[in-house]
Structure formats: structure tokens, C-alpha cells
Amino acid sequence: QVRLVESGGGLVQAGGFLRLSCAASGNIFSNYAMGWFRQAPGKEREFVASIRWSGGVESYADSVKGRFTIFRDNAKNTVYLQMNSLKPEDTAVYYCAFKATPWGSNYDYWGQGTQVTVSS
């Protein structure tokens, strides 16, 4: 089992910034990709960003392109989400996710989430 622990959430003013961290530990046999998702109250969980662990290929939702950056520390099995120019609509619980292999459509493990609140 892989454990994911998020940190770095908080309350910020619109236009501010936060950096989220997610450390993976446990039985990490392989790591294909890690990503970030978010869920706002009353809305479905949505994809935010992902990064392939080996090649570093990044992917972003259109809503965060140019504002958010995902990056990783391979040695620490940690993924980060740098969130700049935050908007009130970014308010959500942000979840870290881990995908062990390219096979299968879903991520294998999820963190418990960290709250990000952006005030106007």
C-alpha cells in the first residue's frame, strides 16, 4: 500500500500563492505518474495537473494553465503544486494521487486532501 500525505493548503487572498506538497511512502514498487485533483463543494472532482515520474511530462487542466506548475523530487517521492495568481474559483479540497503503472484508467492511491481557500 502507498500512503500519500498532502500539506501546504491554507487561506489566501485572490492573487496570492500557495505551494502544495504530497509525499508518497510505503510499498512503492513503481511510480508511473503523480497528479493533483480538486473538488469544490457541490461539484465533482476534477483533474488539475499530473507529471510522469520518469520523463517529467506535465499535463494541466485548461483552467490552471499558466498559473499552476507541477514538479517532483524523485529522490523524496514527493510531488508539488505551485499555485500562483490564485482565484476564488480555485477554492477546493486538493487531492494528491499516485499511479503505479501506465495500465488501467484510474489512479491507484489517493491522499486525504488539503483545503485551499481563496478569498476575494
C-alpha atoms as a PDB file:
ATOM      1  CA  GLN A   1       0.000   0.000   0.000  1.00  0.00           C
ATOM      2  CA  VAL A   2       1.156   3.508  -0.833  1.00  0.00           C
ATOM      3  CA  ARG A   3       0.421   6.336   1.535  1.00  0.00           C
ATOM      4  CA  LEU A   4       0.064   9.890   0.280  1.00  0.00           C
ATOM      5  CA  VAL A   5       0.207  12.843   2.640  1.00  0.00           C
ATOM      6  CA  GLU A   6      -0.645  16.311   1.375  1.00  0.00           C
ATOM      7  CA  SER A   7       0.350  19.553   3.006  1.00  0.00           C
ATOM      8  CA  GLY A   8       0.509  23.251   2.242  1.00  0.00           C
ATOM      9  CA  GLY A   9      -3.131  24.197   1.960  1.00  0.00           C
ATOM     10  CA  GLY A  10      -4.495  27.304   3.579  1.00  0.00           C
ATOM     11  CA  LEU A  11      -6.358  30.563   3.220  1.00  0.00           C
ATOM     12  CA  VAL A  12      -5.037  33.191   0.821  1.00  0.00           C
ATOM     13  CA  GLN A  13      -6.256  36.337  -0.863  1.00  0.00           C
ATOM     14  CA  ALA A  14      -7.045  36.355  -4.554  1.00  0.00           C
ATOM     15  CA  GLY A  15      -3.846  36.883  -6.489  1.00  0.00           C
ATOM     16  CA  GLY A  16      -1.809  35.129  -3.842  1.00  0.00           C
ATOM     17  CA  PHE A  17       0.112  31.904  -3.987  1.00  0.00           C
ATOM     18  CA  LEU A  18       0.498  28.550  -2.266  1.00  0.00           C
ATOM     19  CA  ARG A  19       2.689  25.508  -2.721  1.00  0.00           C
ATOM     20  CA  LEU A  20       1.166  22.123  -2.057  1.00  0.00           C
ATOM     21  CA  SER A  21       3.287  19.089  -1.275  1.00  0.00           C
ATOM     22  CA  CYS A  22       2.497  15.403  -1.445  1.00  0.00           C
ATOM     23  CA  ALA A  23       4.876  12.796  -0.077  1.00  0.00           C
ATOM     24  CA  ALA A  24       4.444   9.170  -1.097  1.00  0.00           C
ATOM     25  CA  SER A  25       5.616   6.381   1.161  1.00  0.00           C
ATOM     26  CA  GLY A  26       5.087   2.691   1.736  1.00  0.00           C
ATOM     27  CA  ASN A  27       5.227  -0.117  -0.808  1.00  0.00           C
ATOM     28  CA  ILE A  28       6.303   1.860  -3.857  1.00  0.00           C
ATOM     29  CA  PHE A  29       7.075  -0.868  -6.367  1.00  0.00           C
ATOM     30  CA  SER A  30       6.930   1.562  -9.263  1.00  0.00           C
ATOM     31  CA  ASN A  31       5.806   5.110  -9.932  1.00  0.00           C
ATOM     32  CA  TYR A  32       4.396   5.997 -13.323  1.00  0.00           C
ATOM     33  CA  ALA A  33       2.782   9.315 -12.512  1.00  0.00           C
ATOM     34  CA  MET A  34       1.503  11.516  -9.748  1.00  0.00           C
ATOM     35  CA  GLY A  35      -1.127  14.160 -10.011  1.00  0.00           C
ATOM     36  CA  TRP A  36      -3.374  16.655  -8.343  1.00  0.00           C
ATOM     37  CA  PHE A  37      -7.151  16.763  -8.396  1.00  0.00           C
ATOM     38  CA  ARG A  38      -9.558  19.081  -6.654  1.00  0.00           C
ATOM     39  CA  GLN A  39     -13.151  19.057  -5.526  1.00  0.00           C
ATOM     40  CA  ALA A  40     -15.163  22.140  -4.675  1.00  0.00           C
ATOM     41  CA  PRO A  41     -18.336  21.959  -2.562  1.00  0.00           C
ATOM     42  CA  GLY A  42     -21.223  20.617  -4.606  1.00  0.00           C
ATOM     43  CA  LYS A  43     -19.026  19.811  -7.590  1.00  0.00           C
ATOM     44  CA  GLU A  44     -17.378  16.701  -8.935  1.00  0.00           C
ATOM     45  CA  ARG A  45     -13.702  16.026  -8.531  1.00  0.00           C
ATOM     46  CA  GLU A  46     -11.697  17.436 -11.413  1.00  0.00           C
ATOM     47  CA  PHE A  47      -8.221  16.964 -12.778  1.00  0.00           C
ATOM     48  CA  VAL A  48      -5.734  19.737 -12.091  1.00  0.00           C
ATOM     49  CA  ALA A  49      -2.264  18.569 -13.110  1.00  0.00           C
ATOM     50  CA  SER A  50      -0.105  15.484 -13.455  1.00  0.00           C
ATOM     51  CA  ILE A  51       3.505  14.584 -14.066  1.00  0.00           C
ATOM     52  CA  ARG A  52       5.131  11.392 -15.287  1.00  0.00           C
ATOM     53  CA  TRP A  53       7.743  10.303 -12.800  1.00  0.00           C
ATOM     54  CA  SER A  54      10.407   9.197 -15.230  1.00  0.00           C
ATOM     55  CA  GLY A  55      10.117  11.575 -18.148  1.00  0.00           C
ATOM     56  CA  GLY A  56       8.670  14.539 -16.305  1.00  0.00           C
ATOM     57  CA  VAL A  57       5.943  15.126 -18.869  1.00  0.00           C
ATOM     58  CA  GLU A  58       3.445  17.557 -17.409  1.00  0.00           C
ATOM     59  CA  SER A  59      -0.244  17.939 -18.065  1.00  0.00           C
ATOM     60  CA  TYR A  60      -2.590  20.684 -16.877  1.00  0.00           C
ATOM     61  CA  ALA A  61      -6.251  21.483 -16.869  1.00  0.00           C
ATOM     62  CA  ASP A  62      -7.080  24.476 -19.038  1.00  0.00           C
ATOM     63  CA  SER A  63      -8.336  26.371 -16.004  1.00  0.00           C
ATOM     64  CA  VAL A  64      -4.905  26.397 -14.356  1.00  0.00           C
ATOM     65  CA  LYS A  65      -2.520  26.610 -17.301  1.00  0.00           C
ATOM     66  CA  GLY A  66      -0.084  29.454 -16.887  1.00  0.00           C
ATOM     67  CA  ARG A  67      -0.836  29.766 -13.179  1.00  0.00           C
ATOM     68  CA  PHE A  68      -0.046  26.370 -11.652  1.00  0.00           C
ATOM     69  CA  THR A  69       3.121  24.323 -12.011  1.00  0.00           C
ATOM     70  CA  ILE A  70       3.581  20.698 -11.036  1.00  0.00           C
ATOM     71  CA  PHE A  71       7.039  19.373 -10.285  1.00  0.00           C
ATOM     72  CA  ARG A  72       8.617  16.492  -8.452  1.00  0.00           C
ATOM     73  CA  ASP A  73      11.522  15.390  -6.298  1.00  0.00           C
ATOM     74  CA  ASN A  74      12.257  11.857  -7.433  1.00  0.00           C
ATOM     75  CA  ALA A  75      14.536  11.035  -4.515  1.00  0.00           C
ATOM     76  CA  LYS A  76      11.866  12.015  -1.996  1.00  0.00           C
ATOM     77  CA  ASN A  77       8.904  10.564  -3.914  1.00  0.00           C
ATOM     78  CA  THR A  78       7.295  13.937  -3.484  1.00  0.00           C
ATOM     79  CA  VAL A  79       5.210  15.952  -5.896  1.00  0.00           C
ATOM     80  CA  TYR A  80       4.477  19.657  -5.577  1.00  0.00           C
ATOM     81  CA  LEU A  81       1.902  22.015  -6.967  1.00  0.00           C
ATOM     82  CA  GLN A  82       2.950  25.642  -7.148  1.00  0.00           C
ATOM     83  CA  MET A  83      -0.230  27.692  -7.319  1.00  0.00           C
ATOM     84  CA  ASN A  84       0.149  31.313  -8.389  1.00  0.00           C
ATOM     85  CA  SER A  85      -2.354  34.033  -9.204  1.00  0.00           C
ATOM     86  CA  LEU A  86      -4.988  32.219  -7.215  1.00  0.00           C
ATOM     87  CA  LYS A  87      -8.640  32.926  -7.890  1.00  0.00           C
ATOM     88  CA  PRO A  88     -11.705  32.356  -5.709  1.00  0.00           C
ATOM     89  CA  GLU A  89     -12.782  29.620  -8.106  1.00  0.00           C
ATOM     90  CA  ASP A  90      -9.637  27.695  -7.160  1.00  0.00           C
ATOM     91  CA  THR A  91     -11.170  27.110  -3.730  1.00  0.00           C
ATOM     92  CA  ALA A  92     -11.437  23.360  -3.212  1.00  0.00           C
ATOM     93  CA  VAL A  93     -10.016  20.386  -1.424  1.00  0.00           C
ATOM     94  CA  TYR A  94      -6.927  19.360  -3.335  1.00  0.00           C
ATOM     95  CA  TYR A  95      -6.082  15.678  -3.538  1.00  0.00           C
ATOM     96  CA  CYS A  96      -2.795  14.067  -4.435  1.00  0.00           C
ATOM     97  CA  ALA A  97      -2.918  10.875  -6.497  1.00  0.00           C
ATOM     98  CA  PHE A  98      -0.436   8.152  -7.397  1.00  0.00           C
ATOM     99  CA  LYS A  99      -0.432   5.835 -10.403  1.00  0.00           C
ATOM    100  CA  ALA A 100       1.953   2.914 -10.247  1.00  0.00           C
ATOM    101  CA  THR A 101       1.862   1.837 -13.903  1.00  0.00           C
ATOM    102  CA  PRO A 102       0.568   3.060 -17.268  1.00  0.00           C
ATOM    103  CA  TRP A 103      -2.022   0.298 -17.297  1.00  0.00           C
ATOM    104  CA  GLY A 104      -5.530   0.901 -16.108  1.00  0.00           C
ATOM    105  CA  SER A 105      -7.584   4.056 -16.343  1.00  0.00           C
ATOM    106  CA  ASN A 106      -7.611   5.113 -12.700  1.00  0.00           C
ATOM    107  CA  TYR A 107      -5.048   6.297 -10.209  1.00  0.00           C
ATOM    108  CA  ASP A 108      -4.153   3.668  -7.650  1.00  0.00           C
ATOM    109  CA  TYR A 109      -3.872   5.676  -4.449  1.00  0.00           C
ATOM    110  CA  TRP A 110      -5.221   8.940  -3.111  1.00  0.00           C
ATOM    111  CA  GLY A 111      -4.350  11.259  -0.297  1.00  0.00           C
ATOM    112  CA  GLN A 112      -6.878  12.635   2.157  1.00  0.00           C
ATOM    113  CA  GLY A 113      -6.748  16.114   0.719  1.00  0.00           C
ATOM    114  CA  THR A 114      -5.757  19.585   1.803  1.00  0.00           C
ATOM    115  CA  GLN A 115      -8.081  22.584   1.832  1.00  0.00           C
ATOM    116  CA  VAL A 116      -7.286  25.597  -0.312  1.00  0.00           C
ATOM    117  CA  THR A 117      -9.466  28.648   0.214  1.00  0.00           C
ATOM    118  CA  VAL A 118      -9.047  31.787  -1.876  1.00  0.00           C
ATOM    119  CA  SER A 119     -10.874  34.893  -0.723  1.00  0.00           C
ATOM    120  CA  SER A 120     -11.785  37.815  -2.947  1.00  0.00           C
END
